[in-house]
């Protein structure tokens, strides 16, 4: 199966949470904070959204940082994805 987003939506695959700190301390699963970085898996077509013209500024393969509480989590074929609106993406990591 494949996710195809509509309008200004973007499908993201979240990076794995860090299991150790930079100083080498191993974190328990509950202490691990979900990362806000993800890879773009699919991009909607943009177009007219809520009466405004939307041009998509991200593309498949981009590494991005998104808002902490943005989007909807979806599980498909044992993989977890997040579907967010483009304006919930804060930056592209280069």
PDB file of N, CA and C in Angstrom:
ATOM      1  N   UNK A   1       0.826  -1.177   0.000  1.00  0.00           N
ATOM      2  CA  UNK A   1       0.000   0.000   0.000  1.00  0.00           C
ATOM      3  C   UNK A   1       0.875   1.246   0.000  1.00  0.00           C
ATOM      4  N   UNK A   2       0.266   2.338  -0.408  1.00  0.00           N
ATOM      5  CA  UNK A   2       1.005   3.585  -0.517  1.00  0.00           C
ATOM      6  C   UNK A   2       0.123   4.735  -0.036  1.00  0.00           C
ATOM      7  N   UNK A   3       0.692   5.667   0.719  1.00  0.00           N
ATOM      8  CA  UNK A   3      -0.042   6.846   1.166  1.00  0.00           C
ATOM      9  C   UNK A   3       0.143   7.964   0.152  1.00  0.00           C
ATOM     10  N   UNK A   4      -0.958   8.540  -0.308  1.00  0.00           N
ATOM     11  CA  UNK A   4      -0.919   9.660  -1.239  1.00  0.00           C
ATOM     12  C   UNK A   4      -1.654  10.824  -0.570  1.00  0.00           C
ATOM     13  N   UNK A   5      -0.905  11.837  -0.095  1.00  0.00           N
ATOM     14  CA  UNK A   5      -1.552  12.940   0.604  1.00  0.00           C
ATOM     15  C   UNK A   5      -2.324  13.850  -0.343  1.00  0.00           C
ATOM     16  N   UNK A   6      -3.341  14.522   0.196  1.00  0.00           N
ATOM     17  CA  UNK A   6      -4.161  15.447  -0.577  1.00  0.00           C
ATOM     18  C   UNK A   6      -3.837  16.887  -0.189  1.00  0.00           C
ATOM     19  N   UNK A   7      -4.107  17.814  -1.078  1.00  0.00           N
ATOM     20  CA  UNK A   7      -3.938  19.239  -0.791  1.00  0.00           C
ATOM     21  C   UNK A   7      -2.525  19.582  -0.362  1.00  0.00           C
ATOM     22  N   UNK A   8      -2.409  20.274   0.772  1.00  0.00           N
ATOM     23  CA  UNK A   8      -1.091  20.711   1.247  1.00  0.00           C
ATOM     24  C   UNK A   8      -0.533  19.795   2.337  1.00  0.00           C
ATOM     25  N   UNK A   9      -0.937  18.542   2.313  1.00  0.00           N
ATOM     26  CA  UNK A   9      -0.474  17.587   3.320  1.00  0.00           C
ATOM     27  C   UNK A   9       0.847  16.928   2.878  1.00  0.00           C
ATOM     28  N   UNK A  10       1.630  16.513   3.884  1.00  0.00           N
ATOM     29  CA  UNK A  10       2.922  15.879   3.663  1.00  0.00           C
ATOM     30  C   UNK A  10       2.998  14.653   4.570  1.00  0.00           C
ATOM     31  N   UNK A  11       3.474  13.524   4.033  1.00  0.00           N
ATOM     32  CA  UNK A  11       3.662  12.305   4.827  1.00  0.00           C
ATOM     33  C   UNK A  11       5.119  12.254   5.262  1.00  0.00           C
ATOM     34  N   UNK A  12       5.342  12.101   6.584  1.00  0.00           N
ATOM     35  CA  UNK A  12       6.678  12.071   7.153  1.00  0.00           C
ATOM     36  C   UNK A  12       6.955  10.739   7.829  1.00  0.00           C
ATOM     37  N   UNK A  13       8.202  10.299   7.769  1.00  0.00           N
ATOM     38  CA  UNK A  13       8.659   9.123   8.518  1.00  0.00           C
ATOM     39  C   UNK A  13       9.612   9.649   9.570  1.00  0.00           C
ATOM     40  N   UNK A  14       9.203   9.523  10.826  1.00  0.00           N
ATOM     41  CA  UNK A  14       9.956  10.067  11.943  1.00  0.00           C
ATOM     42  C   UNK A  14      11.258   9.306  12.146  1.00  0.00           C
ATOM     43  N   UNK A  15      12.339  10.040  12.484  1.00  0.00           N
ATOM     44  CA  UNK A  15      13.607   9.400  12.806  1.00  0.00           C
ATOM     45  C   UNK A  15      13.479   8.694  14.149  1.00  0.00           C
ATOM     46  N   UNK A  16      14.317   7.708  14.391  1.00  0.00           N
ATOM     47  CA  UNK A  16      14.290   6.960  15.646  1.00  0.00           C
ATOM     48  C   UNK A  16      14.726   7.850  16.804  1.00  0.00           C
ATOM     49  N   UNK A  17      14.146   7.636  17.968  1.00  0.00           N
ATOM     50  CA  UNK A  17      14.504   8.384  19.173  1.00  0.00           C
ATOM     51  C   UNK A  17      15.903   7.982  19.626  1.00  0.00           C
ATOM     52  N   UNK A  18      16.620   8.941  20.160  1.00  0.00           N
ATOM     53  CA  UNK A  18      17.962   8.676  20.669  1.00  0.00           C
ATOM     54  C   UNK A  18      17.867   7.778  21.900  1.00  0.00           C
ATOM     55  N   UNK A  19      18.708   6.745  21.933  1.00  0.00           N
ATOM     56  CA  UNK A  19      18.701   5.835  23.073  1.00  0.00           C
ATOM     57  C   UNK A  19      19.764   6.202  24.096  1.00  0.00           C
ATOM     58  N   UNK A  20      20.741   7.010  23.682  1.00  0.00           N
ATOM     59  CA  UNK A  20      21.773   7.469  24.609  1.00  0.00           C
ATOM     60  C   UNK A  20      21.979   8.970  24.429  1.00  0.00           C
ATOM     61  N   UNK A  21      22.424   9.619  25.493  1.00  0.00           N
ATOM     62  CA  UNK A  21      22.732  11.040  25.406  1.00  0.00           C
ATOM     63  C   UNK A  21      24.122  11.205  24.788  1.00  0.00           C
ATOM     64  N   UNK A  22      24.490  12.431  24.494  1.00  0.00           N
ATOM     65  CA  UNK A  22      25.819  12.685  23.925  1.00  0.00           C
ATOM     66  C   UNK A  22      26.930  12.296  24.884  1.00  0.00           C
ATOM     67  N   UNK A  23      26.629  12.328  26.181  1.00  0.00           N
ATOM     68  CA  UNK A  23      27.636  11.957  27.178  1.00  0.00           C
ATOM     69  C   UNK A  23      27.664  10.454  27.447  1.00  0.00           C
ATOM     70  N   UNK A  24      26.788   9.679  26.778  1.00  0.00           N
ATOM     71  CA  UNK A  24      26.821   8.232  26.897  1.00  0.00           C
ATOM     72  C   UNK A  24      25.818   7.630  27.860  1.00  0.00           C
ATOM     73  N   UNK A  25      24.956   8.431  28.445  1.00  0.00           N
ATOM     74  CA  UNK A  25      23.956   7.912  29.380  1.00  0.00           C
ATOM     75  C   UNK A  25      22.840   7.241  28.583  1.00  0.00           C
ATOM     76  N   UNK A  26      22.501   6.014  28.963  1.00  0.00           N
ATOM     77  CA  UNK A  26      21.450   5.271  28.270  1.00  0.00           C
ATOM     78  C   UNK A  26      20.099   5.693  28.840  1.00  0.00           C
ATOM     79  N   UNK A  27      19.173   6.055  27.944  1.00  0.00           N
ATOM     80  CA  UNK A  27      17.847   6.525  28.364  1.00  0.00           C
ATOM     81  C   UNK A  27      16.841   5.384  28.363  1.00  0.00           C
ATOM     82  N   UNK A  28      15.974   5.369  29.374  1.00  0.00           N
ATOM     83  CA  UNK A  28      14.873   4.407  29.408  1.00  0.00           C
ATOM     84  C   UNK A  28      13.871   4.802  28.333  1.00  0.00           C
ATOM     85  N   UNK A  29      13.078   3.859  27.888  1.00  0.00           N
ATOM     86  CA  UNK A  29      12.113   4.118  26.816  1.00  0.00           C
ATOM     87  C   UNK A  29      11.173   5.261  27.163  1.00  0.00           C
ATOM     88  N   UNK A  30      10.750   5.369  28.414  1.00  0.00           N
ATOM     89  CA  UNK A  30       9.844   6.448  28.825  1.00  0.00           C
ATOM     90  C   UNK A  30      10.524   7.807  28.801  1.00  0.00           C
ATOM     91  N   UNK A  31      11.825   7.845  29.001  1.00  0.00           N
ATOM     92  CA  UNK A  31      12.556   9.116  29.045  1.00  0.00           C
ATOM     93  C   UNK A  31      12.928   9.617  27.645  1.00  0.00           C
ATOM     94  N   UNK A  32      12.815   8.746  26.660  1.00  0.00           N
ATOM     95  CA  UNK A  32      13.173   9.135  25.298  1.00  0.00           C
ATOM     96  C   UNK A  32      12.111  10.064  24.733  1.00  0.00           C
ATOM     97  N   UNK A  33      12.553  11.212  24.266  1.00  0.00           N
ATOM     98  CA  UNK A  33      11.631  12.165  23.681  1.00  0.00           C
ATOM     99  C   UNK A  33      11.536  11.896  22.185  1.00  0.00           C
ATOM    100  N   UNK A  34      10.317  11.938  21.660  1.00  0.00           N
ATOM    101  CA  UNK A  34      10.160  11.709  20.228  1.00  0.00           C
ATOM    102  C   UNK A  34      10.863  12.829  19.471  1.00  0.00           C
ATOM    103  N   UNK A  35      11.637  12.470  18.471  1.00  0.00           N
ATOM    104  CA  UNK A  35      12.325  13.512  17.708  1.00  0.00           C
ATOM    105  C   UNK A  35      11.342  14.306  16.859  1.00  0.00           C
ATOM    106  N   UNK A  36      11.701  15.547  16.578  1.00  0.00           N
ATOM    107  CA  UNK A  36      10.876  16.387  15.727  1.00  0.00           C
ATOM    108  C   UNK A  36      11.462  16.441  14.320  1.00  0.00           C
ATOM    109  N   UNK A  37      12.385  15.555  14.026  1.00  0.00           N
ATOM    110  CA  UNK A  37      12.968  15.476  12.693  1.00  0.00           C
ATOM    111  C   UNK A  37      12.404  14.269  11.978  1.00  0.00           C
ATOM    112  N   UNK A  38      12.197  14.424  10.674  1.00  0.00           N
ATOM    113  CA  UNK A  38      11.626  13.336   9.890  1.00  0.00           C
ATOM    114  C   UNK A  38      12.063  13.473   8.438  1.00  0.00           C
ATOM    115  N   UNK A  39      11.836  12.403   7.690  1.00  0.00           N
ATOM    116  CA  UNK A  39      12.095  12.405   6.255  1.00  0.00           C
ATOM    117  C   UNK A  39      10.759  12.476   5.531  1.00  0.00           C
ATOM    118  N   UNK A  40      10.717  13.278   4.469  1.00  0.00           N
ATOM    119  CA  UNK A  40       9.500  13.419   3.675  1.00  0.00           C
ATOM    120  C   UNK A  40       9.349  12.176   2.804  1.00  0.00           C
ATOM    121  N   UNK A  41       8.212  11.482   2.925  1.00  0.00           N
ATOM    122  CA  UNK A  41       7.927  10.263   2.170  1.00  0.00           C
ATOM    123  C   UNK A  41       7.040  10.554   0.962  1.00  0.00           C
ATOM    124  N   UNK A  42       6.071  11.459   1.119  1.00  0.00           N
ATOM    125  CA  UNK A  42       5.156  11.812   0.028  1.00  0.00           C
ATOM    126  C   UNK A  42       4.672  13.241   0.241  1.00  0.00           C
ATOM    127  N   UNK A  43       4.383  13.928  -0.881  1.00  0.00           N
ATOM    128  CA  UNK A  43       3.955  15.321  -0.844  1.00  0.00           C
ATOM    129  C   UNK A  43       2.675  15.464  -1.650  1.00  0.00           C
ATOM    130  N   UNK A  44       1.699  16.185  -1.087  1.00  0.00           N
ATOM    131  CA  UNK A  44       0.454  16.452  -1.797  1.00  0.00           C
ATOM    132  C   UNK A  44       0.678  17.418  -2.957  1.00  0.00           C
ATOM    133  N   UNK A  45      -0.333  17.601  -3.794  1.00  0.00           N
ATOM    134  CA  UNK A  45      -0.195  18.429  -4.986  1.00  0.00           C
ATOM    135  C   UNK A  45      -0.240  19.934  -4.727  1.00  0.00           C
ATOM    136  N   UNK A  46      -0.655  20.350  -3.538  1.00  0.00           N
ATOM    137  CA  UNK A  46      -0.799  21.786  -3.289  1.00  0.00           C
ATOM    138  C   UNK A  46      -2.072  22.290  -3.943  1.00  0.00           C
ATOM    139  N   UNK A  47      -1.999  23.420  -4.651  1.00  0.00           N
ATOM    140  CA  UNK A  47      -3.174  23.969  -5.319  1.00  0.00           C
ATOM    141  C   UNK A  47      -3.970  24.869  -4.396  1.00  0.00           C
ATOM    142  N   UNK A  48      -5.272  24.950  -4.627  1.00  0.00           N
ATOM    143  CA  UNK A  48      -6.142  25.803  -3.823  1.00  0.00           C
ATOM    144  C   UNK A  48      -6.517  25.089  -2.520  1.00  0.00           C
ATOM    145  N   UNK A  49      -6.126  25.662  -1.388  1.00  0.00           N
ATOM    146  CA  UNK A  49      -6.446  25.114  -0.077  1.00  0.00           C
ATOM    147  C   UNK A  49      -7.041  26.244   0.750  1.00  0.00           C
ATOM    148  N   UNK A  50      -8.278  26.071   1.193  1.00  0.00           N
ATOM    149  CA  UNK A  50      -8.992  27.087   1.971  1.00  0.00           C
ATOM    150  C   UNK A  50      -9.014  28.432   1.255  1.00  0.00           C
ATOM    151  N   UNK A  51      -9.170  28.414  -0.050  1.00  0.00           N
ATOM    152  CA  UNK A  51      -9.269  29.640  -0.837  1.00  0.00           C
ATOM    153  C   UNK A  51      -7.957  30.331  -1.129  1.00  0.00           C
ATOM    154  N   UNK A  52      -6.847  29.702  -0.775  1.00  0.00           N
ATOM    155  CA  UNK A  52      -5.530  30.301  -1.024  1.00  0.00           C
ATOM    156  C   UNK A  52      -4.707  29.357  -1.886  1.00  0.00           C
ATOM    157  N   UNK A  53      -3.906  29.925  -2.780  1.00  0.00           N
ATOM    158  CA  UNK A  53      -3.015  29.131  -3.627  1.00  0.00           C
ATOM    159  C   UNK A  53      -1.829  28.654  -2.781  1.00  0.00           C
ATOM    160  N   UNK A  54      -1.580  27.354  -2.768  1.00  0.00           N
ATOM    161  CA  UNK A  54      -0.480  26.777  -1.988  1.00  0.00           C
ATOM    162  C   UNK A  54       0.500  26.105  -2.935  1.00  0.00           C
ATOM    163  N   UNK A  55       1.754  26.528  -2.864  1.00  0.00           N
ATOM    164  CA  UNK A  55       2.831  25.905  -3.626  1.00  0.00           C
ATOM    165  C   UNK A  55       3.636  25.046  -2.659  1.00  0.00           C
ATOM    166  N   UNK A  56       3.846  23.791  -3.001  1.00  0.00           N
ATOM    167  CA  UNK A  56       4.577  22.897  -2.112  1.00  0.00           C
ATOM    168  C   UNK A  56       6.066  23.234  -2.157  1.00  0.00           C
ATOM    169  N   UNK A  57       6.673  23.410  -0.983  1.00  0.00           N
ATOM    170  CA  UNK A  57       8.071  23.814  -0.887  1.00  0.00           C
ATOM    171  C   UNK A  57       8.991  22.685  -0.441  1.00  0.00           C
ATOM    172  N   UNK A  58       8.438  21.534  -0.120  1.00  0.00           N
ATOM    173  CA  UNK A  58       9.261  20.381   0.244  1.00  0.00           C
ATOM    174  C   UNK A  58       9.089  19.308  -0.817  1.00  0.00           C
ATOM    175  N   UNK A  59      10.050  18.399  -0.871  1.00  0.00           N
ATOM    176  CA  UNK A  59       9.971  17.309  -1.841  1.00  0.00           C
ATOM    177  C   UNK A  59      10.344  15.997  -1.158  1.00  0.00           C
ATOM    178  N   UNK A  60      10.019  14.907  -1.784  1.00  0.00           N
ATOM    179  CA  UNK A  60      10.314  13.581  -1.247  1.00  0.00           C
ATOM    180  C   UNK A  60      11.821  13.458  -1.021  1.00  0.00           C
ATOM    181  N   UNK A  61      12.184  12.955   0.149  1.00  0.00           N
ATOM    182  CA  UNK A  61      13.595  12.776   0.489  1.00  0.00           C
ATOM    183  C   UNK A  61      14.159  13.881   1.364  1.00  0.00           C
ATOM    184  N   UNK A  62      13.473  15.023   1.451  1.00  0.00           N
ATOM    185  CA  UNK A  62      13.942  16.118   2.308  1.00  0.00           C
ATOM    186  C   UNK A  62      13.917  15.689   3.771  1.00  0.00           C
ATOM    187  N   UNK A  63      14.886  16.170   4.535  1.00  0.00           N
ATOM    188  CA  UNK A  63      14.899  15.995   5.987  1.00  0.00           C
ATOM    189  C   UNK A  63      14.336  17.291   6.559  1.00  0.00           C
ATOM    190  N   UNK A  64      13.325  17.188   7.412  1.00  0.00           N
ATOM    191  CA  UNK A  64      12.645  18.374   7.916  1.00  0.00           C
ATOM    192  C   UNK A  64      12.498  18.337   9.432  1.00  0.00           C
ATOM    193  N   UNK A  65      12.242  19.522   9.995  1.00  0.00           N
ATOM    194  CA  UNK A  65      11.887  19.669  11.399  1.00  0.00           C
ATOM    195  C   UNK A  65      10.456  20.179  11.421  1.00  0.00           C
ATOM    196  N   UNK A  66       9.595  19.545  12.219  1.00  0.00           N
ATOM    197  CA  UNK A  66       8.184  19.913  12.244  1.00  0.00           C
ATOM    198  C   UNK A  66       7.751  20.249  13.665  1.00  0.00           C
ATOM    199  N   UNK A  67       6.595  20.905  13.780  1.00  0.00           N
ATOM    200  CA  UNK A  67       6.056  21.304  15.081  1.00  0.00           C
ATOM    201  C   UNK A  67       5.838  20.089  15.971  1.00  0.00           C
ATOM    202  N   UNK A  68       6.053  20.268  17.252  1.00  0.00           N
ATOM    203  CA  UNK A  68       6.013  19.166  18.212  1.00  0.00           C
ATOM    204  C   UNK A  68       4.671  18.430  18.254  1.00  0.00           C
ATOM    205  N   UNK A  69       3.560  19.148  18.230  1.00  0.00           N
ATOM    206  CA  UNK A  69       2.255  18.510  18.364  1.00  0.00           C
ATOM    207  C   UNK A  69       1.483  18.509  17.050  1.00  0.00           C
ATOM    208  N   UNK A  70       2.184  18.551  15.947  1.00  0.00           N
ATOM    209  CA  UNK A  70       1.535  18.636  14.635  1.00  0.00           C
ATOM    210  C   UNK A  70       1.159  17.259  14.107  1.00  0.00           C
ATOM    211  N   UNK A  71       0.145  17.251  13.259  1.00  0.00           N
ATOM    212  CA  UNK A  71      -0.171  16.089  12.449  1.00  0.00           C
ATOM    213  C   UNK A  71      -0.920  14.972  13.129  1.00  0.00           C
ATOM    214  N   UNK A  72      -1.135  13.935  12.324  1.00  0.00           N
ATOM    215  CA  UNK A  72      -1.834  12.722  12.757  1.00  0.00           C
ATOM    216  C   UNK A  72      -0.929  11.532  12.520  1.00  0.00           C
ATOM    217  N   UNK A  73      -0.812  10.683  13.523  1.00  0.00           N
ATOM    218  CA  UNK A  73      -0.002   9.479  13.377  1.00  0.00           C
ATOM    219  C   UNK A  73      -0.828   8.393  12.708  1.00  0.00           C
ATOM    220  N   UNK A  74      -0.204   7.698  11.747  1.00  0.00           N
ATOM    221  CA  UNK A  74      -0.873   6.657  10.972  1.00  0.00           C
ATOM    222  C   UNK A  74       0.045   5.443  10.916  1.00  0.00           C
ATOM    223  N   UNK A  75      -0.543   4.246  11.049  1.00  0.00           N
ATOM    224  CA  UNK A  75       0.239   3.021  10.926  1.00  0.00           C
ATOM    225  C   UNK A  75      -0.238   2.284   9.681  1.00  0.00           C
ATOM    226  N   UNK A  76       0.691   1.933   8.788  1.00  0.00           N
ATOM    227  CA  UNK A  76       0.366   1.259   7.537  1.00  0.00           C
ATOM    228  C   UNK A  76       1.457   0.237   7.249  1.00  0.00           C
ATOM    229  N   UNK A  77       1.084  -1.011   7.074  1.00  0.00           N
ATOM    230  CA  UNK A  77       2.044  -2.091   6.805  1.00  0.00           C
ATOM    231  C   UNK A  77       3.160  -2.130   7.856  1.00  0.00           C
ATOM    232  N   UNK A  78       2.800  -2.056   9.128  1.00  0.00           N
ATOM    233  CA  UNK A  78       3.739  -2.108  10.255  1.00  0.00           C
ATOM    234  C   UNK A  78       4.740  -0.952  10.273  1.00  0.00           C
ATOM    235  N   UNK A  79       4.498   0.109   9.532  1.00  0.00           N
ATOM    236  CA  UNK A  79       5.330   1.307   9.544  1.00  0.00           C
ATOM    237  C   UNK A  79       4.499   2.454  10.101  1.00  0.00           C
ATOM    238  N   UNK A  80       5.123   3.316  10.891  1.00  0.00           N
ATOM    239  CA  UNK A  80       4.417   4.464  11.435  1.00  0.00           C
ATOM    240  C   UNK A  80       4.798   5.726  10.675  1.00  0.00           C
ATOM    241  N   UNK A  81       3.787   6.520  10.326  1.00  0.00           N
ATOM    242  CA  UNK A  81       3.984   7.761   9.589  1.00  0.00           C
ATOM    243  C   UNK A  81       3.239   8.876  10.304  1.00  0.00           C
ATOM    244  N   UNK A  82       3.596  10.112   9.959  1.00  0.00           N
ATOM    245  CA  UNK A  82       2.889  11.280  10.460  1.00  0.00           C
ATOM    246  C   UNK A  82       2.450  12.087   9.243  1.00  0.00           C
ATOM    247  N   UNK A  83       1.178  12.461   9.218  1.00  0.00           N
ATOM    248  CA  UNK A  83       0.671  13.294   8.130  1.00  0.00           C
ATOM    249  C   UNK A  83       0.464  14.699   8.694  1.00  0.00           C
ATOM    250  N   UNK A  84       1.174  15.680   8.123  1.00  0.00           N
ATOM    251  CA  UNK A  84       1.100  17.065   8.595  1.00  0.00           C
ATOM    252  C   UNK A  84       0.756  17.991   7.436  1.00  0.00           C
ATOM    253  N   UNK A  85       0.266  19.179   7.765  1.00  0.00           N
ATOM    254  CA  UNK A  85       0.098  20.219   6.760  1.00  0.00           C
ATOM    255  C   UNK A  85       1.469  20.835   6.515  1.00  0.00           C
ATOM    256  N   UNK A  86       1.674  21.356   5.329  1.00  0.00           N
ATOM    257  CA  UNK A  86       2.978  21.942   5.008  1.00  0.00           C
ATOM    258  C   UNK A  86       3.349  23.058   5.970  1.00  0.00           C
ATOM    259  N   UNK A  87       2.380  23.849   6.433  1.00  0.00           N
ATOM    260  CA  UNK A  87       2.727  24.957   7.328  1.00  0.00           C
ATOM    261  C   UNK A  87       3.132  24.485   8.732  1.00  0.00           C
ATOM    262  N   UNK A  88       2.998  23.180   9.050  1.00  0.00           N
ATOM    263  CA  UNK A  88       3.497  22.622  10.301  1.00  0.00           C
ATOM    264  C   UNK A  88       4.976  22.260  10.210  1.00  0.00           C
ATOM    265  N   UNK A  89       5.536  22.306   9.005  1.00  0.00           N
ATOM    266  CA  UNK A  89       6.963  22.052   8.817  1.00  0.00           C
ATOM    267  C   UNK A  89       7.699  23.361   9.035  1.00  0.00           C
ATOM    268  N   UNK A  90       8.643  23.332   9.976  1.00  0.00           N
ATOM    269  CA  UNK A  90       9.340  24.555  10.371  1.00  0.00           C
ATOM    270  C   UNK A  90      10.575  24.834   9.540  1.00  0.00           C
ATOM    271  N   UNK A  91      11.293  23.780   9.117  1.00  0.00           N
ATOM    272  CA  UNK A  91      12.538  23.987   8.388  1.00  0.00           C
ATOM    273  C   UNK A  91      12.944  22.725   7.641  1.00  0.00           C
ATOM    274  N   UNK A  92      13.755  22.921   6.606  1.00  0.00           N
ATOM    275  CA  UNK A  92      14.371  21.807   5.882  1.00  0.00           C
ATOM    276  C   UNK A  92      15.821  21.747   6.330  1.00  0.00           C
ATOM    277  N   UNK A  93      16.277  20.566   6.724  1.00  0.00           N
ATOM    278  CA  UNK A  93      17.653  20.375   7.178  1.00  0.00           C
ATOM    279  C   UNK A  93      18.517  20.059   5.964  1.00  0.00           C
ATOM    280  N   UNK A  94      19.566  20.870   5.778  1.00  0.00           N
ATOM    281  CA  UNK A  94      20.450  20.647   4.614  1.00  0.00           C
ATOM    282  C   UNK A  94      21.820  20.217   5.051  1.00  0.00           C
TER     283      UNK A  94
END
